[in-house]
Amino acid sequence: DTRSQLLVGLLVSGAAVEEIEVLRGGDLLDGVLHVGAPPRPLALAPTLLALWSQLGPAPDAPLFAAPDGTPLTRADLLGTLVYVAHDAGVAHPEEVTADALRHTGFAWWVRQGLKLGALPRLGGM
C-alpha cells in the first residue's frame, strides 16, 4: 500500500524512524523534505514524491496517521515493516528493521561514490 511504500522509501532515503513518526504534511517543501531537529533537507526521489502526494496530508496533519487522525506510534511504524517483509516473502521478516533499511540506503550511497564523511549530512548524526 502507499503508506507502507512511503515508509520504506523514507527509511532507505536516510530518514530515521524517530524523524518519520513526527512528519507533517508541511514538512515537504518544493520536493525537499525537512526532517529532524534542527531540520536537515532530504531530497526525495520522484517516486516518493508521488507516494506523498497520493497520501495528500494537510500541512499540519501527521503524514502517518490512524483513521481517526492521531499519529501512528513508532511501534505502529516498526510493525508495518514486519508485515511488509512478511508479505514480500522475506525468510526472516523480523530482521527487516528501520535500522537495517537505513543501513541499506547508506551502503548504496557509498557504493555510488559518496564519501563516508557526507553520510551525516544525508542521514543525520
PDB file of N, CA and C in Angstrom:
ATOM      1  N   ASP A   1       0.835  -1.187   0.000  1.00  0.00           N
ATOM      2  CA  ASP A   1       0.000   0.000   0.000  1.00  0.00           C
ATOM      3  C   ASP A   1       0.879   1.250   0.000  1.00  0.00           C
ATOM      4  N   THR A   2       0.289   2.361  -0.325  1.00  0.00           N
ATOM      5  CA  THR A   2       1.023   3.621  -0.477  1.00  0.00           C
ATOM      6  C   THR A   2       1.784   3.996   0.787  1.00  0.00           C
ATOM      7  N   ARG A   3       1.128   3.904   1.918  1.00  0.00           N
ATOM      8  CA  ARG A   3       1.759   4.321   3.177  1.00  0.00           C
ATOM      9  C   ARG A   3       2.978   3.454   3.484  1.00  0.00           C
ATOM     10  N   SER A   4       2.877   2.160   3.286  1.00  0.00           N
ATOM     11  CA  SER A   4       3.998   1.256   3.551  1.00  0.00           C
ATOM     12  C   SER A   4       5.151   1.519   2.593  1.00  0.00           C
ATOM     13  N   GLN A   5       4.836   1.741   1.330  1.00  0.00           N
ATOM     14  CA  GLN A   5       5.887   2.033   0.350  1.00  0.00           C
ATOM     15  C   GLN A   5       6.612   3.318   0.713  1.00  0.00           C
ATOM     16  N   LEU A   6       5.862   4.328   1.134  1.00  0.00           N
ATOM     17  CA  LEU A   6       6.481   5.597   1.506  1.00  0.00           C
ATOM     18  C   LEU A   6       7.350   5.423   2.750  1.00  0.00           C
ATOM     19  N   LEU A   7       6.893   4.661   3.719  1.00  0.00           N
ATOM     20  CA  LEU A   7       7.686   4.413   4.919  1.00  0.00           C
ATOM     21  C   LEU A   7       9.024   3.774   4.565  1.00  0.00           C
ATOM     22  N   VAL A   8       9.006   2.720   3.785  1.00  0.00           N
ATOM     23  CA  VAL A   8      10.238   2.039   3.382  1.00  0.00           C
ATOM     24  C   VAL A   8      11.120   2.990   2.574  1.00  0.00           C
ATOM     25  N   GLY A   9      10.528   3.730   1.664  1.00  0.00           N
ATOM     26  CA  GLY A   9      11.291   4.668   0.844  1.00  0.00           C
ATOM     27  C   GLY A   9      11.962   5.752   1.658  1.00  0.00           C
ATOM     28  N   LEU A  10      11.268   6.269   2.670  1.00  0.00           N
ATOM     29  CA  LEU A  10      11.863   7.299   3.524  1.00  0.00           C
ATOM     30  C   LEU A  10      13.029   6.734   4.321  1.00  0.00           C
ATOM     31  N   LEU A  11      12.895   5.502   4.795  1.00  0.00           N
ATOM     32  CA  LEU A  11      13.981   4.887   5.557  1.00  0.00           C
ATOM     33  C   LEU A  11      15.222   4.676   4.691  1.00  0.00           C
ATOM     34  N   VAL A  12      15.055   4.140   3.489  1.00  0.00           N
ATOM     35  CA  VAL A  12      16.237   3.916   2.637  1.00  0.00           C
ATOM     36  C   VAL A  12      16.785   5.232   2.088  1.00  0.00           C
ATOM     37  N   SER A  13      16.001   6.295   2.190  1.00  0.00           N
ATOM     38  CA  SER A  13      16.476   7.611   1.760  1.00  0.00           C
ATOM     39  C   SER A  13      17.236   8.337   2.863  1.00  0.00           C
ATOM     40  N   GLY A  14      17.255   7.762   4.069  1.00  0.00           N
ATOM     41  CA  GLY A  14      18.055   8.356   5.137  1.00  0.00           C
ATOM     42  C   GLY A  14      17.290   8.920   6.310  1.00  0.00           C
ATOM     43  N   ALA A  15      15.970   8.903   6.274  1.00  0.00           N
ATOM     44  CA  ALA A  15      15.199   9.394   7.410  1.00  0.00           C
ATOM     45  C   ALA A  15      15.150   8.322   8.488  1.00  0.00           C
ATOM     46  N   ALA A  16      15.279   8.725   9.733  1.00  0.00           N
ATOM     47  CA  ALA A  16      15.195   7.802  10.867  1.00  0.00           C
ATOM     48  C   ALA A  16      13.731   7.642  11.264  1.00  0.00           C
ATOM     49  N   VAL A  17      13.407   6.501  11.854  1.00  0.00           N
ATOM     50  CA  VAL A  17      12.028   6.251  12.264  1.00  0.00           C
ATOM     51  C   VAL A  17      11.567   7.317  13.259  1.00  0.00           C
ATOM     52  N   GLU A  18      12.485   7.813  14.092  1.00  0.00           N
ATOM     53  CA  GLU A  18      12.135   8.871  15.048  1.00  0.00           C
ATOM     54  C   GLU A  18      11.744  10.156  14.329  1.00  0.00           C
ATOM     55  N   GLU A  19      12.353  10.393  13.168  1.00  0.00           N
ATOM     56  CA  GLU A  19      12.020  11.569  12.373  1.00  0.00           C
ATOM     57  C   GLU A  19      10.712  11.353  11.615  1.00  0.00           C
ATOM     58  N   ILE A  20      10.522  10.142  11.130  1.00  0.00           N
ATOM     59  CA  ILE A  20       9.341   9.826  10.329  1.00  0.00           C
ATOM     60  C   ILE A  20       8.066   9.904  11.159  1.00  0.00           C
ATOM     61  N   GLU A  21       8.133   9.458  12.400  1.00  0.00           N
ATOM     62  CA  GLU A  21       6.919   9.427  13.208  1.00  0.00           C
ATOM     63  C   GLU A  21       6.365  10.810  13.523  1.00  0.00           C
ATOM     64  N   VAL A  22       7.153  11.856  13.388  1.00  0.00           N
ATOM     65  CA  VAL A  22       6.677  13.208  13.675  1.00  0.00           C
ATOM     66  C   VAL A  22       6.466  14.050  12.412  1.00  0.00           C
ATOM     67  N   LEU A  23       6.622  13.435  11.233  1.00  0.00           N
ATOM     68  CA  LEU A  23       6.452  14.192   9.991  1.00  0.00           C
ATOM     69  C   LEU A  23       5.025  14.704   9.836  1.00  0.00           C
ATOM     70  N   ARG A  24       4.929  15.895   9.315  1.00  0.00           N
ATOM     71  CA  ARG A  24       3.653  16.533   8.993  1.00  0.00           C
ATOM     72  C   ARG A  24       3.639  16.841   7.505  1.00  0.00           C
ATOM     73  N   GLY A  25       2.461  17.032   6.961  1.00  0.00           N
ATOM     74  CA  GLY A  25       2.340  17.329   5.537  1.00  0.00           C
ATOM     75  C   GLY A  25       3.158  18.529   5.103  1.00  0.00           C
ATOM     76  N   GLY A  26       3.276  19.528   5.972  1.00  0.00           N
ATOM     77  CA  GLY A  26       4.005  20.749   5.644  1.00  0.00           C
ATOM     78  C   GLY A  26       5.514  20.622   5.697  1.00  0.00           C
ATOM     79  N   ASP A  27       6.029  19.440   6.061  1.00  0.00           N
ATOM     80  CA  ASP A  27       7.479  19.252   6.116  1.00  0.00           C
ATOM     81  C   ASP A  27       8.093  19.057   4.735  1.00  0.00           C
ATOM     82  N   LEU A  28       7.270  18.883   3.727  1.00  0.00           N
ATOM     83  CA  LEU A  28       7.745  18.747   2.350  1.00  0.00           C
ATOM     84  C   LEU A  28       7.519  20.075   1.642  1.00  0.00           C
ATOM     85  N   LEU A  29       8.617  20.705   1.232  1.00  0.00           N
ATOM     86  CA  LEU A  29       8.548  21.995   0.555  1.00  0.00           C
ATOM     87  C   LEU A  29       9.339  21.922  -0.736  1.00  0.00           C
ATOM     88  N   ASP A  30       8.669  22.146  -1.867  1.00  0.00           N
ATOM     89  CA  ASP A  30       9.318  22.156  -3.181  1.00  0.00           C
ATOM     90  C   ASP A  30      10.141  20.887  -3.435  1.00  0.00           C
ATOM     91  N   GLY A  31       9.595  19.741  -3.066  1.00  0.00           N
ATOM     92  CA  GLY A  31      10.246  18.471  -3.325  1.00  0.00           C
ATOM     93  C   GLY A  31      11.346  18.103  -2.358  1.00  0.00           C
ATOM     94  N   VAL A  32      11.544  18.914  -1.336  1.00  0.00           N
ATOM     95  CA  VAL A  32      12.583  18.637  -0.335  1.00  0.00           C
ATOM     96  C   VAL A  32      11.907  18.442   1.009  1.00  0.00           C
ATOM     97  N   LEU A  33      12.211  17.314   1.632  1.00  0.00           N
ATOM     98  CA  LEU A  33      11.661  17.004   2.940  1.00  0.00           C
ATOM     99  C   LEU A  33      12.603  17.539   4.000  1.00  0.00           C
ATOM    100  N   HIS A  34      12.054  18.175   5.009  1.00  0.00           N
ATOM    101  CA  HIS A  34      12.849  18.724   6.105  1.00  0.00           C
ATOM    102  C   HIS A  34      12.577  17.869   7.331  1.00  0.00           C
ATOM    103  N   VAL A  35      13.593  17.093   7.740  1.00  0.00           N
ATOM    104  CA  VAL A  35      13.450  16.148   8.842  1.00  0.00           C
ATOM    105  C   VAL A  35      14.405  16.495   9.967  1.00  0.00           C
ATOM    106  N   GLY A  36      14.053  16.057  11.166  1.00  0.00           N
ATOM    107  CA  GLY A  36      14.935  16.202  12.313  1.00  0.00           C
ATOM    108  C   GLY A  36      14.882  17.568  12.939  1.00  0.00           C
ATOM    109  N   ALA A  37      15.670  17.696  14.007  1.00  0.00           N
ATOM    110  CA  ALA A  37      15.785  18.961  14.718  1.00  0.00           C
ATOM    111  C   ALA A  37      17.252  19.156  15.066  1.00  0.00           C
ATOM    112  N   PRO A  38      17.909  20.174  14.549  1.00  0.00           N
ATOM    113  CA  PRO A  38      17.373  21.133  13.589  1.00  0.00           C
ATOM    114  C   PRO A  38      17.089  20.444  12.252  1.00  0.00           C
ATOM    115  N   PRO A  39      16.164  21.005  11.484  1.00  0.00           N
ATOM    116  CA  PRO A  39      15.790  20.357  10.222  1.00  0.00           C
ATOM    117  C   PRO A  39      16.960  20.259   9.243  1.00  0.00           C
ATOM    118  N   ARG A  40      17.060  19.102   8.623  1.00  0.00           N
ATOM    119  CA  ARG A  40      18.033  18.909   7.549  1.00  0.00           C
ATOM    120  C   ARG A  40      17.255  18.546   6.289  1.00  0.00           C
ATOM    121  N   PRO A  41      17.707  19.036   5.152  1.00  0.00           N
ATOM    122  CA  PRO A  41      16.988  18.753   3.909  1.00  0.00           C
ATOM    123  C   PRO A  41      17.269  17.346   3.409  1.00  0.00           C
ATOM    124  N   LEU A  42      16.241  16.714   2.906  1.00  0.00           N
ATOM    125  CA  LEU A  42      16.354  15.373   2.341  1.00  0.00           C
ATOM    126  C   LEU A  42      15.588  15.397   1.021  1.00  0.00           C
ATOM    127  N   ALA A  43      16.327  15.393  -0.086  1.00  0.00           N
ATOM    128  CA  ALA A  43      15.688  15.402  -1.403  1.00  0.00           C
ATOM    129  C   ALA A  43      15.031  14.045  -1.632  1.00  0.00           C
ATOM    130  N   LEU A  44      13.805  14.046  -2.081  1.00  0.00           N
ATOM    131  CA  LEU A  44      13.075  12.804  -2.311  1.00  0.00           C
ATOM    132  C   LEU A  44      13.040  12.477  -3.796  1.00  0.00           C
ATOM    133  N   ALA A  45      13.157  11.197  -4.094  1.00  0.00           N
ATOM    134  CA  ALA A  45      13.047  10.720  -5.467  1.00  0.00           C
ATOM    135  C   ALA A  45      11.634  10.974  -5.980  1.00  0.00           C
ATOM    136  N   PRO A  46      11.470  11.114  -7.287  1.00  0.00           N
ATOM    137  CA  PRO A  46      10.131  11.353  -7.846  1.00  0.00           C
ATOM    138  C   PRO A  46       9.096  10.313  -7.410  1.00  0.00           C
ATOM    139  N   THR A  47       9.518   9.065  -7.267  1.00  0.00           N
ATOM    140  CA  THR A  47       8.585   8.019  -6.833  1.00  0.00           C
ATOM    141  C   THR A  47       8.047   8.316  -5.441  1.00  0.00           C
ATOM    142  N   LEU A  48       8.920   8.769  -4.552  1.00  0.00           N
ATOM    143  CA  LEU A  48       8.473   9.092  -3.189  1.00  0.00           C
ATOM    144  C   LEU A  48       7.601  10.337  -3.168  1.00  0.00           C
ATOM    145  N   LEU A  49       7.921  11.302  -4.012  1.00  0.00           N
ATOM    146  CA  LEU A  49       7.069  12.493  -4.105  1.00  0.00           C
ATOM    147  C   LEU A  49       5.665  12.111  -4.561  1.00  0.00           C
ATOM    148  N   ALA A  50       5.581  11.182  -5.502  1.00  0.00           N
ATOM    149  CA  ALA A  50       4.271  10.724  -5.982  1.00  0.00           C
ATOM    150  C   ALA A  50       3.515  10.006  -4.873  1.00  0.00           C
ATOM    151  N   LEU A  51       4.202   9.174  -4.099  1.00  0.00           N
ATOM    152  CA  LEU A  51       3.542   8.490  -2.981  1.00  0.00           C
ATOM    153  C   LEU A  51       3.047   9.492  -1.945  1.00  0.00           C
ATOM    154  N   TRP A  52       3.873  10.506  -1.650  1.00  0.00           N
ATOM    155  CA  TRP A  52       3.492  11.540  -0.688  1.00  0.00           C
ATOM    156  C   TRP A  52       2.225  12.242  -1.162  1.00  0.00           C
ATOM    157  N   SER A  53       2.190  12.584  -2.442  1.00  0.00           N
ATOM    158  CA  SER A  53       1.015  13.297  -2.957  1.00  0.00           C
ATOM    159  C   SER A  53      -0.224  12.419  -2.953  1.00  0.00           C
ATOM    160  N   GLN A  54      -0.059  11.096  -3.099  1.00  0.00           N
ATOM    161  CA  GLN A  54      -1.207  10.195  -3.023  1.00  0.00           C
ATOM    162  C   GLN A  54      -1.813  10.199  -1.621  1.00  0.00           C
ATOM    163  N   LEU A  55      -0.953  10.317  -0.598  1.00  0.00           N
ATOM    164  CA  LEU A  55      -1.477  10.394   0.763  1.00  0.00           C
ATOM    165  C   LEU A  55      -2.165  11.736   1.000  1.00  0.00           C
ATOM    166  N   GLY A  56      -1.657  12.775   0.350  1.00  0.00           N
ATOM    167  CA  GLY A  56      -2.268  14.092   0.417  1.00  0.00           C
ATOM    168  C   GLY A  56      -2.446  14.659   1.806  1.00  0.00           C
ATOM    169  N   PRO A  57      -1.392  14.611   2.641  1.00  0.00           N
ATOM    170  CA  PRO A  57      -1.575  15.119   4.000  1.00  0.00           C
ATOM    171  C   PRO A  57      -1.718  16.637   4.033  1.00  0.00           C
ATOM    172  N   ALA A  58      -2.588  17.131   4.900  1.00  0.00           N
ATOM    173  CA  ALA A  58      -2.705  18.572   5.133  1.00  0.00           C
ATOM    174  C   ALA A  58      -1.404  19.045   5.776  1.00  0.00           C
ATOM    175  N   PRO A  59      -1.047  20.315   5.592  1.00  0.00           N
ATOM    176  CA  PRO A  59       0.223  20.806   6.121  1.00  0.00           C
ATOM    177  C   PRO A  59       0.441  20.539   7.612  1.00  0.00           C
ATOM    178  N   ASP A  60      -0.608  20.631   8.405  1.00  0.00           N
ATOM    179  CA  ASP A  60      -0.428  20.439   9.845  1.00  0.00           C
ATOM    180  C   ASP A  60      -0.816  19.033  10.318  1.00  0.00           C
ATOM    181  N   ALA A  61      -1.190  18.151   9.395  1.00  0.00           N
ATOM    182  CA  ALA A  61      -1.614  16.791   9.748  1.00  0.00           C
ATOM    183  C   ALA A  61      -0.426  15.839   9.743  1.00  0.00           C
ATOM    184  N   PRO A  62      -0.460  14.820  10.600  1.00  0.00           N
ATOM    185  CA  PRO A  62       0.609  13.820  10.579  1.00  0.00           C
ATOM    186  C   PRO A  62       0.636  13.089   9.238  1.00  0.00           C
ATOM    187  N   LEU A  63       1.821  12.812   8.744  1.00  0.00           N
ATOM    188  CA  LEU A  63       1.945  12.070   7.495  1.00  0.00           C
ATOM    189  C   LEU A  63       1.421  10.650   7.668  1.00  0.00           C
ATOM    190  N   PHE A  64       1.792  10.022   8.765  1.00  0.00           N
ATOM    191  CA  PHE A  64       1.346   8.662   9.061  1.00  0.00           C
ATOM    192  C   PHE A  64       0.360   8.732  10.210  1.00  0.00           C
ATOM    193  N   ALA A  65      -0.915   8.573   9.877  1.00  0.00           N
ATOM    194  CA  ALA A  65      -1.963   8.718  10.883  1.00  0.00           C
ATOM    195  C   ALA A  65      -2.942   7.557  10.824  1.00  0.00           C
ATOM    196  N   ALA A  66      -3.545   7.299  11.975  1.00  0.00           N
ATOM    197  CA  ALA A  66      -4.624   6.318  12.072  1.00  0.00           C
ATOM    198  C   ALA A  66      -5.873   6.917  11.432  1.00  0.00           C
ATOM    199  N   PRO A  67      -6.899   6.098  11.178  1.00  0.00           N
ATOM    200  CA  PRO A  67      -8.129   6.628  10.581  1.00  0.00           C
ATOM    201  C   PRO A  67      -8.753   7.790  11.365  1.00  0.00           C
ATOM    202  N   ASP A  68      -8.533   7.829  12.680  1.00  0.00           N
ATOM    203  CA  ASP A  68      -9.101   8.927  13.471  1.00  0.00           C
ATOM    204  C   ASP A  68      -8.224  10.176  13.456  1.00  0.00           C
ATOM    205  N   GLY A  69      -7.101  10.138  12.710  1.00  0.00           N
ATOM    206  CA  GLY A  69      -6.235  11.304  12.569  1.00  0.00           C
ATOM    207  C   GLY A  69      -5.106  11.382  13.572  1.00  0.00           C
ATOM    208  N   THR A  70      -5.066  10.484  14.547  1.00  0.00           N
ATOM    209  CA  THR A  70      -3.965  10.506  15.505  1.00  0.00           C
ATOM    210  C   THR A  70      -2.715   9.926  14.858  1.00  0.00           C
ATOM    211  N   PRO A  71      -1.553  10.479  15.205  1.00  0.00           N
ATOM    212  CA  PRO A  71      -0.314   9.983  14.594  1.00  0.00           C
ATOM    213  C   PRO A  71      -0.063   8.519  14.958  1.00  0.00           C
ATOM    214  N   LEU A  72       0.475   7.774  14.002  1.00  0.00           N
ATOM    215  CA  LEU A  72       0.895   6.412  14.299  1.00  0.00           C
ATOM    216  C   LEU A  72       2.113   6.475  15.218  1.00  0.00           C
ATOM    217  N   THR A  73       2.222   5.510  16.091  1.00  0.00           N
ATOM    218  CA  THR A  73       3.354   5.461  17.004  1.00  0.00           C
ATOM    219  C   THR A  73       4.542   4.798  16.320  1.00  0.00           C
ATOM    220  N   ARG A  74       5.691   4.912  16.960  1.00  0.00           N
ATOM    221  CA  ARG A  74       6.888   4.245  16.462  1.00  0.00           C
ATOM    222  C   ARG A  74       6.643   2.741  16.364  1.00  0.00           C
ATOM    223  N   ALA A  75       5.961   2.183  17.365  1.00  0.00           N
ATOM    224  CA  ALA A  75       5.652   0.746  17.342  1.00  0.00           C
ATOM    225  C   ALA A  75       4.781   0.391  16.141  1.00  0.00           C
ATOM    226  N   ASP A  76       3.825   1.266  15.804  1.00  0.00           N
ATOM    227  CA  ASP A  76       2.988   1.030  14.624  1.00  0.00           C
ATOM    228  C   ASP A  76       3.834   1.004  13.353  1.00  0.00           C
ATOM    229  N   LEU A  77       4.750   1.958  13.232  1.00  0.00           N
ATOM    230  CA  LEU A  77       5.591   2.048  12.039  1.00  0.00           C
ATOM    231  C   LEU A  77       6.519   0.843  11.937  1.00  0.00           C
ATOM    232  N   LEU A  78       7.112   0.443  13.052  1.00  0.00           N
ATOM    233  CA  LEU A  78       8.002  -0.714  13.041  1.00  0.00           C
ATOM    234  C   LEU A  78       7.222  -1.996  12.749  1.00  0.00           C
ATOM    235  N   GLY A  79       6.009  -2.085  13.246  1.00  0.00           N
ATOM    236  CA  GLY A  79       5.163  -3.230  12.944  1.00  0.00           C
ATOM    237  C   GLY A  79       4.828  -3.305  11.466  1.00  0.00           C
ATOM    238  N   THR A  80       4.655  -2.164  10.852  1.00  0.00           N
ATOM    239  CA  THR A  80       4.390  -2.118   9.414  1.00  0.00           C
ATOM    240  C   THR A  80       5.530  -2.775   8.640  1.00  0.00           C
ATOM    241  N   LEU A  81       6.764  -2.523   9.074  1.00  0.00           N
ATOM    242  CA  LEU A  81       7.911  -3.109   8.382  1.00  0.00           C
ATOM    243  C   LEU A  81       7.880  -4.629   8.438  1.00  0.00           C
ATOM    244  N   VAL A  82       7.470  -5.176   9.571  1.00  0.00           N
ATOM    245  CA  VAL A  82       7.422  -6.630   9.713  1.00  0.00           C
ATOM    246  C   VAL A  82       6.389  -7.221   8.766  1.00  0.00           C
ATOM    247  N   TYR A  83       5.182  -6.616   8.713  1.00  0.00           N
ATOM    248  CA  TYR A  83       4.176  -7.214   7.826  1.00  0.00           C
ATOM    249  C   TYR A  83       4.517  -7.002   6.357  1.00  0.00           C
ATOM    250  N   VAL A  84       5.183  -5.902   6.014  1.00  0.00           N
ATOM    251  CA  VAL A  84       5.608  -5.695   4.627  1.00  0.00           C
ATOM    252  C   VAL A  84       6.639  -6.757   4.236  1.00  0.00           C
ATOM    253  N   ALA A  85       7.601  -7.006   5.131  1.00  0.00           N
ATOM    254  CA  ALA A  85       8.620  -8.020   4.858  1.00  0.00           C
ATOM    255  C   ALA A  85       7.985  -9.409   4.774  1.00  0.00           C
ATOM    256  N   HIS A  86       7.028  -9.674   5.649  1.00  0.00           N
ATOM    257  CA  HIS A  86       6.340 -10.970   5.615  1.00  0.00           C
ATOM    258  C   HIS A  86       5.586 -11.134   4.302  1.00  0.00           C
ATOM    259  N   ASP A  87       4.831 -10.120   3.902  1.00  0.00           N
ATOM    260  CA  ASP A  87       4.075 -10.178   2.653  1.00  0.00           C
ATOM    261  C   ASP A  87       4.984 -10.313   1.439  1.00  0.00           C
ATOM    262  N   ALA A  88       6.217  -9.789   1.539  1.00  0.00           N
ATOM    263  CA  ALA A  88       7.170  -9.878   0.429  1.00  0.00           C
ATOM    264  C   ALA A  88       7.862 -11.234   0.382  1.00  0.00           C
ATOM    265  N   GLY A  89       7.612 -12.062   1.376  1.00  0.00           N
ATOM    266  CA  GLY A  89       8.201 -13.390   1.379  1.00  0.00           C
ATOM    267  C   GLY A  89       9.624 -13.449   1.904  1.00  0.00           C
ATOM    268  N   VAL A  90      10.032 -12.435   2.664  1.00  0.00           N
ATOM    269  CA  VAL A  90      11.367 -12.433   3.247  1.00  0.00           C
ATOM    270  C   VAL A  90      11.445 -13.576   4.261  1.00  0.00           C
ATOM    271  N   ALA A  91      12.546 -14.342   4.205  1.00  0.00           N
ATOM    272  CA  ALA A  91      12.691 -15.531   5.049  1.00  0.00           C
ATOM    273  C   ALA A  91      12.616 -15.206   6.545  1.00  0.00           C
ATOM    274  N   HIS A  92      13.201 -14.102   6.966  1.00  0.00           N
ATOM    275  CA  HIS A  92      13.196 -13.698   8.369  1.00  0.00           C
ATOM    276  C   HIS A  92      12.680 -12.252   8.459  1.00  0.00           C
ATOM    277  N   PRO A  93      11.363 -12.068   8.378  1.00  0.00           N
ATOM    278  CA  PRO A  93      10.823 -10.707   8.326  1.00  0.00           C
ATOM    279  C   PRO A  93      11.161  -9.858   9.549  1.00  0.00           C
ATOM    280  N   GLU A  94      11.418 -10.494  10.672  1.00  0.00           N
ATOM    281  CA  GLU A  94      11.758  -9.742  11.882  1.00  0.00           C
ATOM    282  C   GLU A  94      13.113  -9.047  11.766  1.00  0.00           C
ATOM    283  N   GLU A  95      13.919  -9.442  10.778  1.00  0.00           N
ATOM    284  CA  GLU A  95      15.216  -8.811  10.567  1.00  0.00           C
ATOM    285  C   GLU A  95      15.127  -7.554   9.693  1.00  0.00           C
ATOM    286  N   VAL A  96      13.968  -7.300   9.126  1.00  0.00           N
ATOM    287  CA  VAL A  96      13.773  -6.089   8.321  1.00  0.00           C
ATOM    288  C   VAL A  96      13.353  -4.976   9.276  1.00  0.00           C
ATOM    289  N   THR A  97      14.361  -4.290   9.784  1.00  0.00           N
ATOM    290  CA  THR A  97      14.131  -3.232  10.763  1.00  0.00           C
ATOM    291  C   THR A  97      14.381  -1.872  10.123  1.00  0.00           C
ATOM    292  N   ALA A  98      13.989  -0.824  10.838  1.00  0.00           N
ATOM    293  CA  ALA A  98      14.251   0.531  10.365  1.00  0.00           C
ATOM    294  C   ALA A  98      15.753   0.759  10.206  1.00  0.00           C
ATOM    295  N   ASP A  99      16.532   0.289  11.178  1.00  0.00           N
ATOM    296  CA  ASP A  99      17.986   0.459  11.092  1.00  0.00           C
ATOM    297  C   ASP A  99      18.569  -0.299   9.908  1.00  0.00           C
ATOM    298  N   ALA A 100      18.065  -1.505   9.650  1.00  0.00           N
ATOM    299  CA  ALA A 100      18.573  -2.290   8.519  1.00  0.00           C
ATOM    300  C   ALA A 100      18.263  -1.589   7.192  1.00  0.00           C
ATOM    301  N   LEU A 101      17.085  -1.008   7.067  1.00  0.00           N
ATOM    302  CA  LEU A 101      16.728  -0.316   5.827  1.00  0.00           C
ATOM    303  C   LEU A 101      17.553   0.954   5.644  1.00  0.00           C
ATOM    304  N   ARG A 102      17.758   1.706   6.729  1.00  0.00           N
ATOM    305  CA  ARG A 102      18.609   2.906   6.626  1.00  0.00           C
ATOM    306  C   ARG A 102      20.024   2.511   6.232  1.00  0.00           C
ATOM    307  N   HIS A 103      20.552   1.449   6.841  1.00  0.00           N
ATOM    308  CA  HIS A 103      21.898   0.985   6.508  1.00  0.00           C
ATOM    309  C   HIS A 103      21.987   0.592   5.043  1.00  0.00           C
ATOM    310  N   THR A 104      20.950  -0.052   4.537  1.00  0.00           N
ATOM    311  CA  THR A 104      20.912  -0.428   3.118  1.00  0.00           C
ATOM    312  C   THR A 104      21.030   0.809   2.235  1.00  0.00           C
ATOM    313  N   GLY A 105      20.286   1.850   2.577  1.00  0.00           N
ATOM    314  CA  GLY A 105      20.362   3.097   1.816  1.00  0.00           C
ATOM    315  C   GLY A 105      21.739   3.734   1.891  1.00  0.00           C
ATOM    316  N   PHE A 106      22.317   3.757   3.103  1.00  0.00           N
ATOM    317  CA  PHE A 106      23.645   4.344   3.266  1.00  0.00           C
ATOM    318  C   PHE A 106      24.688   3.556   2.478  1.00  0.00           C
ATOM    319  N   ALA A 107      24.606   2.225   2.535  1.00  0.00           N
ATOM    320  CA  ALA A 107      25.555   1.381   1.803  1.00  0.00           C
ATOM    321  C   ALA A 107      25.440   1.631   0.302  1.00  0.00           C
ATOM    322  N   TRP A 108      24.236   1.802  -0.186  1.00  0.00           N
ATOM    323  CA  TRP A 108      24.045   2.079  -1.612  1.00  0.00           C
ATOM    324  C   TRP A 108      24.705   3.397  -1.989  1.00  0.00           C
ATOM    325  N   TRP A 109      24.497   4.453  -1.166  1.00  0.00           N
ATOM    326  CA  TRP A 109      25.112   5.744  -1.463  1.00  0.00           C
ATOM    327  C   TRP A 109      26.626   5.634  -1.512  1.00  0.00           C
ATOM    328  N   VAL A 110      27.211   4.904  -0.560  1.00  0.00           N
ATOM    329  CA  VAL A 110      28.660   4.758  -0.527  1.00  0.00           C
ATOM    330  C   VAL A 110      29.148   3.998  -1.755  1.00  0.00           C
ATOM    331  N   ARG A 111      28.437   2.958  -2.161  1.00  0.00           N
ATOM    332  CA  ARG A 111      28.831   2.223  -3.377  1.00  0.00           C
ATOM    333  C   ARG A 111      28.725   3.101  -4.619  1.00  0.00           C
ATOM    334  N   GLN A 112      27.886   4.124  -4.564  1.00  0.00           N
ATOM    335  CA  GLN A 112      27.769   5.045  -5.694  1.00  0.00           C
ATOM    336  C   GLN A 112      28.856   6.112  -5.687  1.00  0.00           C
ATOM    337  N   GLY A 113      29.696   6.106  -4.640  1.00  0.00           N
ATOM    338  CA  GLY A 113      30.810   7.044  -4.595  1.00  0.00           C
ATOM    339  C   GLY A 113      30.703   8.115  -3.533  1.00  0.00           C
ATOM    340  N   LEU A 114      29.672   8.108  -2.724  1.00  0.00           N
ATOM    341  CA  LEU A 114      29.537   9.108  -1.668  1.00  0.00           C
ATOM    342  C   LEU A 114      30.626   8.898  -0.621  1.00  0.00           C
ATOM    343  N   LYS A 115      31.255   9.954  -0.214  1.00  0.00           N
ATOM    344  CA  LYS A 115      32.273   9.882   0.831  1.00  0.00           C
ATOM    345  C   LYS A 115      31.589   9.602   2.170  1.00  0.00           C
ATOM    346  N   LEU A 116      32.226   8.778   2.994  1.00  0.00           N
ATOM    347  CA  LEU A 116      31.657   8.442   4.294  1.00  0.00           C
ATOM    348  C   LEU A 116      31.396   9.688   5.135  1.00  0.00           C
ATOM    349  N   GLY A 117      32.253  10.693   5.008  1.00  0.00           N
ATOM    350  CA  GLY A 117      32.074  11.926   5.768  1.00  0.00           C
ATOM    351  C   GLY A 117      30.811  12.682   5.401  1.00  0.00           C
ATOM    352  N   ALA A 118      30.212  12.379   4.253  1.00  0.00           N
ATOM    353  CA  ALA A 118      28.987  13.060   3.823  1.00  0.00           C
ATOM    354  C   ALA A 118      27.734  12.390   4.369  1.00  0.00           C
ATOM    355  N   LEU A 119      27.854  11.190   4.932  1.00  0.00           N
ATOM    356  CA  LEU A 119      26.671  10.486   5.426  1.00  0.00           C
ATOM    357  C   LEU A 119      25.901  11.268   6.496  1.00  0.00           C
ATOM    358  N   PRO A 120      26.552  11.930   7.458  1.00  0.00           N
ATOM    359  CA  PRO A 120      25.772  12.679   8.446  1.00  0.00           C
ATOM    360  C   PRO A 120      24.904  13.779   7.827  1.00  0.00           C
ATOM    361  N   ARG A 121      25.368  14.362   6.729  1.00  0.00           N
ATOM    362  CA  ARG A 121      24.570  15.397   6.061  1.00  0.00           C
ATOM    363  C   ARG A 121      23.292  14.793   5.504  1.00  0.00           C
ATOM    364  N   LEU A 122      23.371  13.561   5.014  1.00  0.00           N
ATOM    365  CA  LEU A 122      22.205  12.909   4.421  1.00  0.00           C
ATOM    366  C   LEU A 122      21.350  12.186   5.441  1.00  0.00           C
ATOM    367  N   GLY A 123      21.994  11.547   6.406  1.00  0.00           N
ATOM    368  CA  GLY A 123      21.259  10.707   7.329  1.00  0.00           C
ATOM    369  C   GLY A 123      21.235  11.191   8.759  1.00  0.00           C
ATOM    370  N   GLY A 124      21.788  12.363   9.009  1.00  0.00           N
ATOM    371  CA  GLY A 124      21.848  12.859  10.383  1.00  0.00           C
ATOM    372  C   GLY A 124      22.985  12.184  11.131  1.00  0.00           C
ATOM    373  N   MET A 125      23.181  12.620  12.345  1.00  0.00           N
ATOM    374  CA  MET A 125      24.281  12.074  13.141  1.00  0.00           C
ATOM    375  C   MET A 125      23.928  10.664  13.571  1.00  0.00           C
TER     376      MET A 125
END
